[in-house]
Amino acid sequence: MTPYLNLNGNSNVLAFEATEDSILVVFKSGACRKYLYNTARPGGAVVERMKVLAVQGRGLNSYINTTVKDRYANKW
């Protein structure tokens, strides 16, 4: 698991783990804190953008809230 840099200082994202076709995002708060996004849901292009934002450490939480929303493959 890679810690999220949170360069803006106000993200709810704590960490992430990227694979070839998915990204697992761990949030700091919420009833379910782990969310899996993959090529099936929400789709390859969206997952690739999420990976870029995750590595940059900026904008991932906003992108999920505004674009991805509830299109996750699994949560726990």
Protein backbone atom coordinates (compact mmCIF):
# COMPACT_ATOMS: atom_id res chain seq x y z
CA MET A 1 0.00 0.00 0.00
CA THR A 2 1.32 3.42 -0.96
CA PRO A 3 0.55 6.38 1.31
CA TYR A 4 -1.28 9.17 -0.52
CA LEU A 5 0.82 12.36 -0.44
CA ASN A 6 -2.20 14.67 0.02
CA LEU A 7 -0.33 17.73 -1.23
CA ASN A 8 -3.41 19.95 -0.85
CA GLY A 9 -3.75 18.85 2.78
CA ASN A 10 -7.51 18.28 2.75
CA SER A 11 -8.04 14.86 1.18
CA ASN A 12 -9.95 11.97 2.69
CA VAL A 13 -7.66 9.55 0.79
CA LEU A 14 -5.18 7.79 3.06
CA ALA A 15 -3.47 5.29 0.73
CA PHE A 16 -3.79 3.45 -2.56
CA GLU A 17 -2.59 0.33 -4.34
CA ALA A 18 -2.51 0.24 -8.13
CA THR A 19 -2.35 -2.84 -10.34
CA GLU A 20 -2.41 -3.14 -14.10
CA ASP A 21 -6.21 -3.02 -14.29
CA SER A 22 -7.36 -1.59 -10.96
CA ILE A 23 -6.78 0.77 -8.08
CA LEU A 24 -7.69 0.20 -4.45
CA VAL A 25 -8.26 3.42 -2.53
CA VAL A 26 -8.29 3.57 1.27
CA PHE A 27 -10.12 6.50 2.82
CA LYS A 28 -9.51 8.00 6.27
CA SER A 29 -13.16 7.91 7.27
CA GLY A 30 -16.48 6.34 6.39
CA ALA A 31 -18.38 3.16 7.18
CA CYS A 32 -16.54 1.41 4.34
CA ARG A 33 -12.99 2.64 3.96
CA LYS A 34 -11.64 0.49 1.11
CA TYR A 35 -12.93 0.95 -2.43
CA LEU A 36 -11.85 -1.01 -5.49
CA TYR A 37 -12.10 0.54 -8.94
CA ASN A 38 -11.26 -1.52 -12.03
CA THR A 39 -11.54 -1.70 -15.81
CA ALA A 40 -15.05 -3.17 -15.54
CA ARG A 41 -16.30 -0.45 -13.20
CA PRO A 42 -15.84 2.49 -13.64
CA GLY A 43 -13.75 1.69 -16.73
CA GLY A 44 -10.17 1.68 -17.93
CA ALA A 45 -9.83 5.37 -18.79
CA VAL A 46 -11.20 6.46 -15.43
CA VAL A 47 -8.95 4.03 -13.53
CA GLU A 48 -5.89 5.25 -15.45
CA ARG A 49 -6.72 8.87 -14.56
CA MET A 50 -7.15 7.86 -10.91
CA LYS A 51 -3.71 6.21 -10.95
CA VAL A 52 -2.10 9.37 -12.30
CA LEU A 53 -3.77 11.52 -9.64
CA ALA A 54 -2.83 9.03 -6.91
CA VAL A 55 0.85 9.12 -7.86
CA GLN A 56 0.78 12.92 -8.10
CA GLY A 57 -0.71 13.12 -4.61
CA ARG A 58 -3.25 15.74 -5.58
CA GLY A 59 -6.84 15.71 -6.85
CA LEU A 60 -7.81 12.07 -6.36
CA ASN A 61 -10.50 12.66 -3.74
CA SER A 62 -12.05 15.47 -5.79
CA TYR A 63 -12.01 13.35 -8.95
CA ILE A 64 -13.76 10.51 -7.15
CA ASN A 65 -16.37 12.86 -5.67
CA THR A 66 -17.12 14.73 -8.89
CA THR A 67 -16.56 12.18 -11.67
CA VAL A 68 -16.40 8.61 -10.40
CA LYS A 69 -19.01 8.96 -7.66
CA ASP A 70 -20.53 5.55 -6.77
CA ARG A 71 -19.09 3.67 -9.75
CA TYR A 72 -16.82 1.33 -7.78
CA ALA A 73 -16.37 -2.40 -8.27
CA ASN A 74 -16.40 -3.27 -4.56
CA LYS A 75 -16.19 -1.69 -1.12
CA TRP A 76 -15.55 -2.98 2.38
